[in-house]
Amino acid sequence: MAELTSRRPYLIRALYDWVLDNDLTPHLLVAADAPGVDVPRQFVTDDGKITINVSPTAVRGLALENQLISFSARFSGANHNIAIPPGAVLALYARENGEGMLFGEVEETETASEETIAGPSTDAGQTGDDADNGDGAPARKKHPHLKVVK
């Protein structure tokens, strides 16, 4: 079966349009410590996240692409170029009422292992494809991650 692309960039675009169509203000919650994220670090919270207003009046040159979300925005009066891989977006929601979608964990980028792109494995063992990453070293497995949300 052919390798499927991530659903996350498509859902981000759809939710962004939906929030705007309802005259609300879209905000992105981003894992700032994820690979490929370029945001102003002084605005990152202690838990490694940043919330960004991505409404058309708050950003310039917004590009919601499959591989990268990019735009420029002002933070404390200074212009910053922002780059966010869609996999680092944890949520997109409307500021006014919180409606939107929580995506959960950071999703690895195109260089991710096939297991991560295909979804978590239900088998505790390694298959032939997962046993070696091509350079003789065993492939790293992601452990299940659950946390209580209160």
C-alpha atoms as a PDB file:
ATOM      1  CA  MET A   1       0.000   0.000   0.000  1.00  0.00           C
ATOM      2  CA  ALA A   2       1.275   3.461  -0.824  1.00  0.00           C
ATOM      3  CA  GLU A   3       2.424   5.643   2.045  1.00  0.00           C
ATOM      4  CA  LEU A   4      -0.296   8.080   3.079  1.00  0.00           C
ATOM      5  CA  THR A   5       0.407  11.731   3.733  1.00  0.00           C
ATOM      6  CA  SER A   6      -0.458  13.300   7.060  1.00  0.00           C
ATOM      7  CA  ARG A   7      -4.046  14.437   7.612  1.00  0.00           C
ATOM      8  CA  ARG A   8      -2.978  17.246   9.916  1.00  0.00           C
ATOM      9  CA  PRO A   9      -2.180  19.938   7.276  1.00  0.00           C
ATOM     10  CA  TYR A  10      -5.536  19.313   5.592  1.00  0.00           C
ATOM     11  CA  LEU A  11      -7.411  19.536   8.888  1.00  0.00           C
ATOM     12  CA  ILE A  12      -5.538  22.728   9.802  1.00  0.00           C
ATOM     13  CA  ARG A  13      -6.567  24.388   6.526  1.00  0.00           C
ATOM     14  CA  ALA A  14     -10.179  23.253   6.898  1.00  0.00           C
ATOM     15  CA  LEU A  15     -10.449  24.418  10.510  1.00  0.00           C
ATOM     16  CA  TYR A  16      -8.768  27.727   9.689  1.00  0.00           C
ATOM     17  CA  ASP A  17     -11.351  28.395   6.959  1.00  0.00           C
ATOM     18  CA  TRP A  18     -14.202  27.294   9.231  1.00  0.00           C
ATOM     19  CA  VAL A  19     -13.113  29.630  12.050  1.00  0.00           C
ATOM     20  CA  LEU A  20     -12.825  32.579   9.639  1.00  0.00           C
ATOM     21  CA  ASP A  21     -16.175  31.764   7.981  1.00  0.00           C
ATOM     22  CA  ASN A  22     -17.786  32.077  11.415  1.00  0.00           C
ATOM     23  CA  ASP A  23     -16.201  35.514  12.003  1.00  0.00           C
ATOM     24  CA  LEU A  24     -13.972  34.200  14.779  1.00  0.00           C
ATOM     25  CA  THR A  25     -10.233  34.592  15.467  1.00  0.00           C
ATOM     26  CA  PRO A  26      -8.075  31.515  14.702  1.00  0.00           C
ATOM     27  CA  HIS A  27      -5.258  30.699  17.103  1.00  0.00           C
ATOM     28  CA  LEU A  28      -2.587  28.012  16.766  1.00  0.00           C
ATOM     29  CA  LEU A  29      -1.172  26.215  19.792  1.00  0.00           C
ATOM     30  CA  VAL A  30       2.330  25.111  18.791  1.00  0.00           C
ATOM     31  CA  ALA A  31       4.955  22.865  20.394  1.00  0.00           C
ATOM     32  CA  ALA A  32       7.806  25.374  20.147  1.00  0.00           C
ATOM     33  CA  ASP A  33      10.465  22.777  20.951  1.00  0.00           C
ATOM     34  CA  ALA A  34       9.509  20.509  18.026  1.00  0.00           C
ATOM     35  CA  PRO A  35      12.038  20.164  15.183  1.00  0.00           C
ATOM     36  CA  GLY A  36      11.741  22.820  12.479  1.00  0.00           C
ATOM     37  CA  VAL A  37       9.743  25.322  14.555  1.00  0.00           C
ATOM     38  CA  ASP A  38      10.969  28.914  14.214  1.00  0.00           C
ATOM     39  CA  VAL A  39       9.108  31.215  16.616  1.00  0.00           C
ATOM     40  CA  PRO A  40      10.249  34.023  18.943  1.00  0.00           C
ATOM     41  CA  ARG A  41      11.524  32.096  21.968  1.00  0.00           C
ATOM     42  CA  GLN A  42      10.819  34.877  24.468  1.00  0.00           C
ATOM     43  CA  PHE A  43       7.080  34.197  24.042  1.00  0.00           C
ATOM     44  CA  VAL A  44       7.298  30.434  24.603  1.00  0.00           C
ATOM     45  CA  THR A  45       5.719  29.262  27.869  1.00  0.00           C
ATOM     46  CA  ASP A  46       7.538  27.185  30.476  1.00  0.00           C
ATOM     47  CA  ASP A  47       5.914  24.034  29.101  1.00  0.00           C
ATOM     48  CA  GLY A  48       7.414  24.688  25.632  1.00  0.00           C
ATOM     49  CA  LYS A  49       4.273  25.943  23.894  1.00  0.00           C
ATOM     50  CA  ILE A  50       3.303  29.153  22.136  1.00  0.00           C
ATOM     51  CA  THR A  51      -0.138  30.388  21.105  1.00  0.00           C
ATOM     52  CA  ILE A  52      -0.245  32.493  17.950  1.00  0.00           C
ATOM     53  CA  ASN A  53      -3.105  34.552  16.524  1.00  0.00           C
ATOM     54  CA  VAL A  54      -3.162  33.649  12.803  1.00  0.00           C
ATOM     55  CA  SER A  55      -6.085  35.823  11.730  1.00  0.00           C
ATOM     56  CA  PRO A  56      -5.617  37.719   8.440  1.00  0.00           C
ATOM     57  CA  THR A  57      -5.306  40.992  10.377  1.00  0.00           C
ATOM     58  CA  ALA A  58      -2.544  39.600  12.635  1.00  0.00           C
ATOM     59  CA  VAL A  59      -0.253  37.937  10.078  1.00  0.00           C
ATOM     60  CA  ARG A  60       1.141  38.614   6.615  1.00  0.00           C
ATOM     61  CA  GLY A  61       1.865  36.123   3.867  1.00  0.00           C
ATOM     62  CA  LEU A  62       0.219  33.164   5.567  1.00  0.00           C
ATOM     63  CA  ALA A  63       0.987  29.920   3.708  1.00  0.00           C
ATOM     64  CA  LEU A  64      -0.702  26.776   5.049  1.00  0.00           C
ATOM     65  CA  GLU A  65       1.272  24.191   3.081  1.00  0.00           C
ATOM     66  CA  ASN A  66       1.547  20.449   3.626  1.00  0.00           C
ATOM     67  CA  GLN A  67       5.184  20.665   4.746  1.00  0.00           C
ATOM     68  CA  LEU A  68       5.302  24.070   6.440  1.00  0.00           C
ATOM     69  CA  ILE A  69       3.091  26.820   7.818  1.00  0.00           C
ATOM     70  CA  SER A  70       4.842  30.141   7.296  1.00  0.00           C
ATOM     71  CA  PHE A  71       3.996  33.804   7.795  1.00  0.00           C
ATOM     72  CA  SER A  72       5.309  36.990   9.336  1.00  0.00           C
ATOM     73  CA  ALA A  73       3.827  38.525  12.465  1.00  0.00           C
ATOM     74  CA  ARG A  74       4.607  41.241  14.967  1.00  0.00           C
ATOM     75  CA  PHE A  75       5.466  40.355  18.545  1.00  0.00           C
ATOM     76  CA  SER A  76       5.904  43.307  20.933  1.00  0.00           C
ATOM     77  CA  GLY A  77       6.290  45.598  17.928  1.00  0.00           C
ATOM     78  CA  ALA A  78       9.042  43.570  16.240  1.00  0.00           C
ATOM     79  CA  ASN A  79       8.432  41.733  12.969  1.00  0.00           C
ATOM     80  CA  HIS A  80       9.250  37.992  13.011  1.00  0.00           C
ATOM     81  CA  ASN A  81       9.218  35.376  10.271  1.00  0.00           C
ATOM     82  CA  ILE A  82       7.480  32.283  11.619  1.00  0.00           C
ATOM     83  CA  ALA A  83       7.909  28.707  10.370  1.00  0.00           C
ATOM     84  CA  ILE A  84       5.928  25.814  11.821  1.00  0.00           C
ATOM     85  CA  PRO A  85       5.800  22.252  10.499  1.00  0.00           C
ATOM     86  CA  PRO A  86       2.131  21.155  10.631  1.00  0.00           C
ATOM     87  CA  GLY A  87       3.140  18.258  12.866  1.00  0.00           C
ATOM     88  CA  ALA A  88       4.107  20.765  15.584  1.00  0.00           C
ATOM     89  CA  VAL A  89       0.591  22.254  15.694  1.00  0.00           C
ATOM     90  CA  LEU A  90      -1.095  20.913  18.808  1.00  0.00           C
ATOM     91  CA  ALA A  91      -4.428  22.697  18.308  1.00  0.00           C
ATOM     92  CA  LEU A  92      -6.287  25.211  16.168  1.00  0.00           C
ATOM     93  CA  TYR A  93      -9.174  26.959  17.887  1.00  0.00           C
ATOM     94  CA  ALA A  94     -11.287  30.119  17.942  1.00  0.00           C
ATOM     95  CA  ARG A  95     -10.227  32.621  20.603  1.00  0.00           C
ATOM     96  CA  GLU A  96     -13.795  33.721  21.325  1.00  0.00           C
ATOM     97  CA  ASN A  97     -15.309  30.357  22.256  1.00  0.00           C
ATOM     98  CA  GLY A  98     -12.521  27.750  22.214  1.00  0.00           C
ATOM     99  CA  GLU A  99     -14.164  25.800  19.385  1.00  0.00           C
ATOM    100  CA  GLY A 100     -11.684  23.943  17.193  1.00  0.00           C
ATOM    101  CA  MET A 101      -9.582  20.820  17.325  1.00  0.00           C
ATOM    102  CA  LEU A 102      -6.867  19.434  19.575  1.00  0.00           C
ATOM    103  CA  PHE A 103      -4.421  17.358  17.539  1.00  0.00           C
ATOM    104  CA  GLY A 104      -2.504  15.858  20.433  1.00  0.00           C
ATOM    105  CA  GLU A 105       1.153  14.930  20.283  1.00  0.00           C
ATOM    106  CA  VAL A 106       3.742  16.366  17.934  1.00  0.00           C
ATOM    107  CA  GLU A 107       3.712  14.501  14.639  1.00  0.00           C
ATOM    108  CA  GLU A 108       7.085  13.770  13.075  1.00  0.00           C
ATOM    109  CA  THR A 109       7.928  15.313   9.706  1.00  0.00           C
ATOM    110  CA  GLU A 110       8.515  13.603   6.338  1.00  0.00           C
ATOM    111  CA  THR A 111      11.851  12.282   7.596  1.00  0.00           C
ATOM    112  CA  ALA A 112       9.971  10.328  10.252  1.00  0.00           C
ATOM    113  CA  SER A 113       9.984   6.589  10.424  1.00  0.00           C
ATOM    114  CA  GLU A 114       7.359   4.709   8.425  1.00  0.00           C
ATOM    115  CA  GLU A 115       5.808   3.462  11.660  1.00  0.00           C
ATOM    116  CA  THR A 116       5.080   6.993  12.876  1.00  0.00           C
ATOM    117  CA  ILE A 117       3.651   8.101   9.539  1.00  0.00           C
ATOM    118  CA  ALA A 118       1.497   4.982   9.266  1.00  0.00           C
ATOM    119  CA  GLY A 119       0.301   5.316  12.860  1.00  0.00           C
ATOM    120  CA  PRO A 120       1.236   3.597  16.077  1.00  0.00           C
ATOM    121  CA  SER A 121       1.911  -0.099  15.936  1.00  0.00           C
ATOM    122  CA  THR A 122      -0.211  -2.446  18.010  1.00  0.00           C
ATOM    123  CA  ASP A 123       2.527  -5.104  17.896  1.00  0.00           C
ATOM    124  CA  ALA A 124       5.133  -4.881  20.663  1.00  0.00           C
ATOM    125  CA  GLY A 125       7.781  -6.564  18.509  1.00  0.00           C
ATOM    126  CA  GLN A 126       9.653  -5.255  15.507  1.00  0.00           C
ATOM    127  CA  THR A 127       8.813  -6.213  11.976  1.00  0.00           C
ATOM    128  CA  GLY A 128      11.421  -6.662   9.287  1.00  0.00           C
ATOM    129  CA  ASP A 129      10.885  -3.089   8.061  1.00  0.00           C
ATOM    130  CA  ASP A 130      11.282  -1.612  11.549  1.00  0.00           C
ATOM    131  CA  ALA A 131      14.272  -3.696  12.645  1.00  0.00           C
ATOM    132  CA  ASP A 132      16.904  -1.663  10.802  1.00  0.00           C
ATOM    133  CA  ASN A 133      16.988   1.947   9.676  1.00  0.00           C
ATOM    134  CA  GLY A 134      19.511   1.349   6.898  1.00  0.00           C
ATOM    135  CA  ASP A 135      22.741   2.207   8.703  1.00  0.00           C
ATOM    136  CA  GLY A 136      22.950  -0.929  10.843  1.00  0.00           C
ATOM    137  CA  ALA A 137      21.520   0.704  13.978  1.00  0.00           C
ATOM    138  CA  PRO A 138      18.113  -0.410  15.227  1.00  0.00           C
ATOM    139  CA  ALA A 139      15.253   1.998  14.569  1.00  0.00           C
ATOM    140  CA  ARG A 140      13.991   3.975  17.584  1.00  0.00           C
ATOM    141  CA  LYS A 141      10.489   3.138  18.712  1.00  0.00           C
ATOM    142  CA  LYS A 142       8.129   5.723  20.172  1.00  0.00           C
ATOM    143  CA  HIS A 143       6.561   4.625  23.415  1.00  0.00           C
ATOM    144  CA  PRO A 144       2.862   5.200  23.958  1.00  0.00           C
ATOM    145  CA  HIS A 145       2.209   8.522  25.634  1.00  0.00           C
ATOM    146  CA  LEU A 146      -0.922   9.281  27.584  1.00  0.00           C
ATOM    147  CA  LYS A 147      -1.526  12.135  29.976  1.00  0.00           C
ATOM    148  CA  VAL A 148      -4.441  13.166  32.138  1.00  0.00           C
ATOM    149  CA  VAL A 149      -6.160  16.344  30.980  1.00  0.00           C
ATOM    150  CA  LYS A 150      -8.055  18.150  33.717  1.00  0.00           C
END
